[in-house]
Amino acid sequence: MKRAAALFLLGAQLLAAALPEKIQQLLDSSPAARTAFWGIRIVDLGTGKTLYELNPDHYFVPASNAKLFSAALSLTRLGADFTFQTRVLSQTPPDELGRIRGWLRLAGGGDPNLSARAVPYRMGPVTGNPLAAIEDLADQLVARGVRRVDGDIIGDDTWYVWQPYATGWAVDDPQSDDGPPISALTLADNVLTLSVRPGAAIGDVAALSLLPASEFYRIENRVRTVAPGGERRIYFQRIPGSRDAQLWGAIPLRDRGQDLLIGVEDPALFAAQALRTALGRRGVAVSGSAIAEHLFPDSLAGLDQAQEPATPTGIELALRVSAPLIEDLRIIAKVSQNLHAELALRAVGRARRNVGSFEAGMAEMKTFLAEAGIDPAAYNLVDGSGLSRLDLVTSSTVLKLLRYMYASPARDQWISILPVAARDGTLSSRFGGTAAAGRAYAKTGTLSHVSALSGYLLRPDATWVAFSVLVNNYGERSPAEISGVMDRICNLILE
């Protein structure tokens, strides 16, 4: 009863106060909020008036709010209709018997959606064949008369520089779907799903399966089946740079099992293996091996940006063209897809500065943000996804980006990529039954002890507000309470 009375009193106080007082009272009312570090800026986009700010010029780790920067950059620099191409090239044309005398090259062009994901974006789990794109390319090759390859299948990701991991990623990020290697030849998001199920009897090793089916990793399986009702404990470890992995622990008999998401160590090699296997199923004999070809950073030494790196050449036998970029930007923002955000940054570098590298993409980012009126001292971005713990921005910096994009010709497309409160993406389960449902268009961000929410609010009178709420340094048990306070701030703005 005392807690209910306190909440009623707080509600009455908030109704009687102006917005700054309401927000301060809200922050003071939450134990988790009181001990956290907050950076907030709220601006009326019609008048340009700042409605509220708290520590607006202090640095915060933004988590996935960093995707706002890479998404805005790629939309502005590449355009909504930009597409990616994946090609299969041969050293020689098929002869009269369908024989290719030499290699077959699977040349990646940065397409992030060679996967089972639904494009355009829609809510729900990813279903279907994760190797559908490879199957399509293999069908095209057979239709061109290919019956035998006297050479290797080359997975070529030289369209981008081979920089698989970003600065500041945690050591375990590449082992999961959080931070799989960044490659211009990306297949199924460069992730394998390892399903672990109990064996047939107590004492048996667990049953394993992979999706996509693959022998890419050599997995030492030491998970044992234990009596029903026991505790499921499954541990996975892989040394970076190695294709040897260890799996150990226990799984009870008749347990529902567990799925582990495992990053693919070398995506180009994995894609080459997948194409070789797909051709074999179609009766195409391949005498060579699946191999990978990368463009290493050392090979760029002395390369002028006006000199375009070599483009894979050969006789084109198969081609896939991606959906327009705007569709992937929706996936990046709504799903908060780390790998795709990194690929978008490198796509900008390749298109604008002739080098598909992090450095080229970030050089173009600095130019873009300068055009948006953002001081280079107001941010420190070391990746395109926000997975790095070394990224830093201020809420004022985020607000300047949001205002710039709101005033740009791409405004409607830009807002359309953001999660919608209580409707889709990472906001689908937030704001339900509140004033902000369907009216908040915002990007979330989450890391350990970090939460962020930045975007726009559409008022009932059709005017718009931009906001950025960045929170760092809260307790490990406080994420839900912090998110609740952030959501309440949005609803206060609409009251």
Foldseek 3Di string as FASTA:
>chain_A
DVVVVVVVVLVVVLVPDALQVNLVSLLVVDPLSVQWAKFKWKAFLVVRDTRDTDQQQDKFLAFQLLLLLLLLLLCVQVNQFDKWKWFKFAADQQPPQQEGEEEIETEFGLDQPCAQADPLDDDDDRDDALNVNLLQQLVLSVVSPHAEYAYAYELEQALAAQPFFFPQFDPCCCFFQNRAGATSQATNSQKKKWWWAADPDFFDFTDIAIVVGDPQAAEATAETEHAPPDDFDWDKDDDQPDRYIYIHYYDYPPDPTDIGIGGHRDRSLVSSVVNQVSNVVVNRYYPYYRYYDHRHPVVCVPPALVDAPDDDDHHTRGMDMDGGPLSVLLVCQQQLRQNSQQSSLLSSLCVPRNHSYNVSSVVSSVVVLVVLVDDPVQWDDGGRRSSGPPTIHGFVSSVSSQSSCCPDPCNVSSLVSFDFACVGGPRVPPPPPAPRHRFFGWGWRDDQQWIKIWHWGQEPVRTIMTMIMIIGDGDRPCPVVVVVSVSVSNRSVRD
